[in-house]
Amino acid sequence: MRVKFTARARRDVLDIGLRWRRTHPAAPGLFDDELTDALLMLADHPLAGREVHGRTLKGARLVVLVDSEFLLFYRVVRRSHVSILRVRQGARKTLIET
């Protein structure tokens, strides 16, 4: 299945990647590697993430990037593709609570 990014998710990833490489010199590629692994997994197993039960992301699913501590929110669109909605830091107030 194809994986596509919303404009907001694309900005999230670019911002996080730049900040990650600057603040984690011992593991500059960790976020990118973990994100890539998650995207490959979602392409093969789009329902792998857990369902999100919140008003803001109704019908969305969530994958946790464990080592980098980010949350990947996505939605399966008509069984044609996976749409990445947001990537958020796990320590921040998440979109699930809103």
N, C-alpha and C. Protein backbone atom coordinates (compact mmCIF):
# COMPACT_ATOMS: atom_id res chain seq x y z
N MET A 1 0.85 -1.18 0.00
CA MET A 1 0.00 0.00 0.00
C MET A 1 0.89 1.24 0.00
N ARG A 2 0.46 2.28 -0.70
CA ARG A 2 1.24 3.52 -0.75
C ARG A 2 1.10 4.29 0.56
N VAL A 3 2.14 5.04 0.88
CA VAL A 3 2.13 5.90 2.06
C VAL A 3 2.32 7.33 1.58
N LYS A 4 1.39 8.23 1.97
CA LYS A 4 1.45 9.63 1.59
C LYS A 4 1.45 10.49 2.85
N PHE A 5 2.04 11.67 2.76
CA PHE A 5 2.08 12.60 3.87
C PHE A 5 1.16 13.78 3.60
N THR A 6 0.44 14.22 4.62
CA THR A 6 -0.24 15.50 4.51
C THR A 6 0.83 16.59 4.56
N ALA A 7 0.47 17.80 4.14
CA ALA A 7 1.43 18.91 4.19
C ALA A 7 1.91 19.14 5.62
N ARG A 8 0.99 19.03 6.58
CA ARG A 8 1.35 19.25 7.99
C ARG A 8 2.32 18.18 8.47
N ALA A 9 2.07 16.92 8.11
CA ALA A 9 2.96 15.84 8.53
C ALA A 9 4.33 15.99 7.90
N ARG A 10 4.38 16.44 6.66
CA ARG A 10 5.67 16.67 5.99
C ARG A 10 6.48 17.73 6.72
N ARG A 11 5.79 18.82 7.13
CA ARG A 11 6.47 19.86 7.92
C ARG A 11 6.94 19.32 9.26
N ASP A 12 6.09 18.51 9.91
CA ASP A 12 6.47 17.89 11.18
C ASP A 12 7.78 17.13 11.03
N VAL A 13 7.85 16.27 10.01
CA VAL A 13 9.02 15.41 9.81
C VAL A 13 10.26 16.24 9.51
N LEU A 14 10.13 17.24 8.67
CA LEU A 14 11.29 18.09 8.35
C LEU A 14 11.79 18.83 9.59
N ASP A 15 10.87 19.41 10.36
CA ASP A 15 11.25 20.13 11.58
C ASP A 15 11.89 19.19 12.60
N ILE A 16 11.27 18.04 12.81
CA ILE A 16 11.79 17.09 13.79
C ILE A 16 13.17 16.59 13.37
N GLY A 17 13.31 16.25 12.09
CA GLY A 17 14.58 15.74 11.60
C GLY A 17 15.72 16.72 11.81
N LEU A 18 15.48 17.99 11.48
CA LEU A 18 16.51 19.02 11.68
C LEU A 18 16.86 19.18 13.15
N ARG A 19 15.83 19.27 13.98
CA ARG A 19 16.06 19.44 15.43
C ARG A 19 16.74 18.20 16.01
N TRP A 20 16.33 17.01 15.56
CA TRP A 20 16.90 15.77 16.09
C TRP A 20 18.40 15.70 15.81
N ARG A 21 18.79 15.95 14.58
CA ARG A 21 20.21 15.86 14.22
C ARG A 21 21.06 16.88 14.98
N ARG A 22 20.47 18.04 15.28
CA ARG A 22 21.19 19.08 16.02
C ARG A 22 21.33 18.72 17.50
N THR A 23 20.31 18.12 18.08
CA THR A 23 20.30 17.88 19.53
C THR A 23 20.71 16.46 19.94
N HIS A 24 20.90 15.57 18.98
CA HIS A 24 21.28 14.18 19.29
C HIS A 24 22.50 13.78 18.45
N PRO A 25 23.65 14.42 18.68
CA PRO A 25 24.82 14.13 17.86
C PRO A 25 25.33 12.69 17.97
N ALA A 26 25.02 12.02 19.06
CA ALA A 26 25.47 10.64 19.23
C ALA A 26 24.65 9.66 18.38
N ALA A 27 23.44 10.06 17.99
CA ALA A 27 22.56 9.18 17.20
C ALA A 27 21.77 10.02 16.19
N PRO A 28 22.46 10.68 15.27
CA PRO A 28 21.79 11.62 14.37
C PRO A 28 20.77 10.98 13.43
N GLY A 29 20.94 9.71 13.11
CA GLY A 29 20.03 9.06 12.18
C GLY A 29 18.92 8.26 12.82
N LEU A 30 18.85 8.26 14.15
CA LEU A 30 17.87 7.42 14.83
C LEU A 30 16.43 7.73 14.44
N PHE A 31 16.04 9.00 14.48
CA PHE A 31 14.67 9.36 14.13
C PHE A 31 14.35 8.96 12.69
N ASP A 32 15.24 9.31 11.75
CA ASP A 32 15.01 8.97 10.34
C ASP A 32 14.89 7.47 10.14
N ASP A 33 15.78 6.71 10.77
CA ASP A 33 15.75 5.25 10.63
C ASP A 33 14.47 4.66 11.20
N GLU A 34 14.08 5.14 12.37
CA GLU A 34 12.88 4.62 13.01
C GLU A 34 11.62 4.99 12.22
N LEU A 35 11.58 6.21 11.69
CA LEU A 35 10.46 6.64 10.86
C LEU A 35 10.38 5.79 9.60
N THR A 36 11.51 5.57 8.95
CA THR A 36 11.53 4.75 7.74
C THR A 36 11.02 3.34 8.02
N ASP A 37 11.46 2.75 9.11
CA ASP A 37 11.00 1.40 9.48
C ASP A 37 9.48 1.39 9.69
N ALA A 38 8.96 2.41 10.36
CA ALA A 38 7.52 2.49 10.61
C ALA A 38 6.75 2.63 9.30
N LEU A 39 7.25 3.45 8.39
CA LEU A 39 6.56 3.65 7.11
C LEU A 39 6.55 2.38 6.27
N LEU A 40 7.66 1.65 6.27
CA LEU A 40 7.70 0.38 5.55
C LEU A 40 6.73 -0.63 6.16
N MET A 41 6.66 -0.65 7.48
CA MET A 41 5.73 -1.55 8.16
C MET A 41 4.30 -1.20 7.81
N LEU A 42 3.96 0.10 7.80
CA LEU A 42 2.59 0.52 7.49
C LEU A 42 2.22 0.23 6.05
N ALA A 43 3.19 0.30 5.14
CA ALA A 43 2.92 -0.03 3.75
C ALA A 43 2.49 -1.49 3.61
N ASP A 44 3.07 -2.37 4.41
CA ASP A 44 2.74 -3.79 4.38
C ASP A 44 1.59 -4.17 5.31
N HIS A 45 1.47 -3.45 6.42
CA HIS A 45 0.47 -3.78 7.45
C HIS A 45 -0.23 -2.51 7.91
N PRO A 46 -1.10 -1.94 7.11
CA PRO A 46 -1.68 -0.63 7.42
C PRO A 46 -2.54 -0.58 8.68
N LEU A 47 -3.01 -1.70 9.15
CA LEU A 47 -3.83 -1.68 10.37
C LEU A 47 -3.02 -2.03 11.62
N ALA A 48 -1.70 -2.00 11.51
CA ALA A 48 -0.84 -2.39 12.62
C ALA A 48 -0.92 -1.45 13.81
N GLY A 49 -1.13 -0.17 13.58
CA GLY A 49 -1.20 0.79 14.67
C GLY A 49 -2.49 0.67 15.45
N ARG A 50 -2.47 1.18 16.67
CA ARG A 50 -3.69 1.11 17.48
C ARG A 50 -4.63 2.25 17.10
N GLU A 51 -5.91 2.00 17.29
CA GLU A 51 -6.91 3.01 16.98
C GLU A 51 -6.84 4.17 17.97
N VAL A 52 -7.09 5.37 17.47
CA VAL A 52 -7.10 6.58 18.28
C VAL A 52 -8.55 6.94 18.54
N HIS A 53 -8.87 7.20 19.80
CA HIS A 53 -10.23 7.58 20.17
C HIS A 53 -10.24 9.00 20.69
N GLY A 54 -10.31 9.94 19.80
CA GLY A 54 -10.34 11.35 20.18
C GLY A 54 -11.06 12.15 19.11
N ARG A 55 -11.53 13.30 19.48
CA ARG A 55 -12.29 14.13 18.54
C ARG A 55 -11.44 14.63 17.39
N THR A 56 -10.23 15.03 17.67
CA THR A 56 -9.40 15.67 16.66
C THR A 56 -9.00 14.71 15.54
N LEU A 57 -8.68 13.49 15.87
CA LEU A 57 -8.21 12.53 14.87
C LEU A 57 -9.13 11.33 14.76
N LYS A 58 -10.40 11.59 14.68
CA LYS A 58 -11.38 10.51 14.59
C LYS A 58 -11.06 9.59 13.41
N GLY A 59 -11.02 8.30 13.68
CA GLY A 59 -10.73 7.32 12.65
C GLY A 59 -9.25 7.13 12.37
N ALA A 60 -8.42 7.78 13.15
CA ALA A 60 -6.97 7.67 12.92
C ALA A 60 -6.39 6.50 13.72
N ARG A 61 -5.16 6.19 13.38
CA ARG A 61 -4.42 5.15 14.08
C ARG A 61 -3.08 5.74 14.52
N LEU A 62 -2.37 5.02 15.38
CA LEU A 62 -1.16 5.53 16.00
C LEU A 62 -0.08 4.46 16.04
N VAL A 63 1.12 4.85 15.66
CA VAL A 63 2.31 4.02 15.83
C VAL A 63 3.29 4.81 16.69
N VAL A 64 3.86 4.15 17.67
CA VAL A 64 4.83 4.79 18.56
C VAL A 64 6.24 4.48 18.06
N LEU A 65 7.02 5.52 17.86
CA LEU A 65 8.44 5.37 17.54
C LEU A 65 9.16 5.31 18.88
N VAL A 66 9.39 4.13 19.35
CA VAL A 66 9.79 3.89 20.74
C VAL A 66 11.12 4.55 21.11
N ASP A 67 12.14 4.37 20.30
CA ASP A 67 13.47 4.86 20.67
C ASP A 67 13.57 6.39 20.60
N SER A 68 12.94 6.99 19.60
CA SER A 68 13.01 8.45 19.48
C SER A 68 11.87 9.14 20.22
N GLU A 69 10.91 8.38 20.70
CA GLU A 69 9.78 8.86 21.50
C GLU A 69 8.88 9.84 20.75
N PHE A 70 8.55 9.46 19.50
CA PHE A 70 7.60 10.24 18.72
C PHE A 70 6.38 9.39 18.41
N LEU A 71 5.28 10.07 18.15
CA LEU A 71 4.01 9.42 17.82
C LEU A 71 3.68 9.72 16.37
N LEU A 72 3.34 8.69 15.62
CA LEU A 72 3.00 8.81 14.21
C LEU A 72 1.51 8.55 14.06
N PHE A 73 0.76 9.60 13.71
CA PHE A 73 -0.68 9.49 13.52
C PHE A 73 -0.98 9.33 12.04
N TYR A 74 -1.85 8.37 11.71
CA TYR A 74 -2.15 8.12 10.32
C TYR A 74 -3.59 7.62 10.16
N ARG A 75 -4.02 7.58 8.92
CA ARG A 75 -5.36 7.08 8.59
C ARG A 75 -5.24 6.24 7.32
N VAL A 76 -5.95 5.11 7.29
CA VAL A 76 -6.02 4.30 6.08
C VAL A 76 -7.16 4.87 5.25
N VAL A 77 -6.86 5.24 4.00
CA VAL A 77 -7.83 5.90 3.14
C VAL A 77 -8.34 4.92 2.09
N ARG A 78 -9.58 4.53 2.25
CA ARG A 78 -10.27 3.66 1.30
C ARG A 78 -9.44 2.49 0.79
N ARG A 79 -8.68 1.94 1.64
CA ARG A 79 -7.82 0.79 1.31
C ARG A 79 -6.90 1.06 0.12
N SER A 80 -6.72 2.33 -0.23
CA SER A 80 -5.84 2.65 -1.35
C SER A 80 -4.48 3.15 -0.88
N HIS A 81 -4.45 3.83 0.27
CA HIS A 81 -3.17 4.32 0.77
C HIS A 81 -3.27 4.66 2.25
N VAL A 82 -2.09 4.84 2.84
CA VAL A 82 -1.97 5.28 4.22
C VAL A 82 -1.61 6.76 4.16
N SER A 83 -2.37 7.58 4.88
CA SER A 83 -2.12 9.02 4.93
C SER A 83 -1.53 9.37 6.30
N ILE A 84 -0.29 9.82 6.30
CA ILE A 84 0.36 10.25 7.54
C ILE A 84 -0.17 11.63 7.87
N LEU A 85 -0.80 11.77 9.05
CA LEU A 85 -1.46 13.01 9.44
C LEU A 85 -0.56 13.94 10.24
N ARG A 86 0.12 13.40 11.22
CA ARG A 86 0.98 14.21 12.12
C ARG A 86 2.06 13.31 12.69
N VAL A 87 3.15 13.93 13.08
CA VAL A 87 4.20 13.28 13.86
C VAL A 87 4.45 14.21 15.03
N ARG A 88 4.26 13.70 16.23
CA ARG A 88 4.35 14.54 17.43
C ARG A 88 5.28 13.91 18.44
N GLN A 89 5.90 14.74 19.24
CA GLN A 89 6.75 14.26 20.32
C GLN A 89 5.88 13.58 21.37
N GLY A 90 6.29 12.42 21.82
CA GLY A 90 5.50 11.65 22.77
C GLY A 90 5.32 12.32 24.11
N ALA A 91 6.26 13.18 24.50
CA ALA A 91 6.19 13.85 25.80
C ALA A 91 5.20 15.03 25.80
N ARG A 92 4.83 15.51 24.62
CA ARG A 92 3.91 16.65 24.53
C ARG A 92 2.48 16.17 24.70
N LYS A 93 1.60 17.11 24.99
CA LYS A 93 0.18 16.79 25.02
C LYS A 93 -0.19 16.29 23.63
N THR A 94 -0.77 15.12 23.56
CA THR A 94 -1.04 14.54 22.25
C THR A 94 -2.39 14.98 21.71
N LEU A 95 -2.59 14.72 20.46
CA LEU A 95 -3.84 15.04 19.79
C LEU A 95 -4.98 14.13 20.24
N ILE A 96 -4.63 13.02 20.87
CA ILE A 96 -5.65 12.09 21.34
C ILE A 96 -6.52 12.74 22.42
N GLU A 97 -5.92 13.59 23.22
CA GLU A 97 -6.62 14.16 24.38
C GLU A 97 -7.52 15.33 24.00
N THR A 98 -7.45 15.83 22.79
CA THR A 98 -8.22 17.01 22.42
C THR A 98 -9.52 16.67 21.74
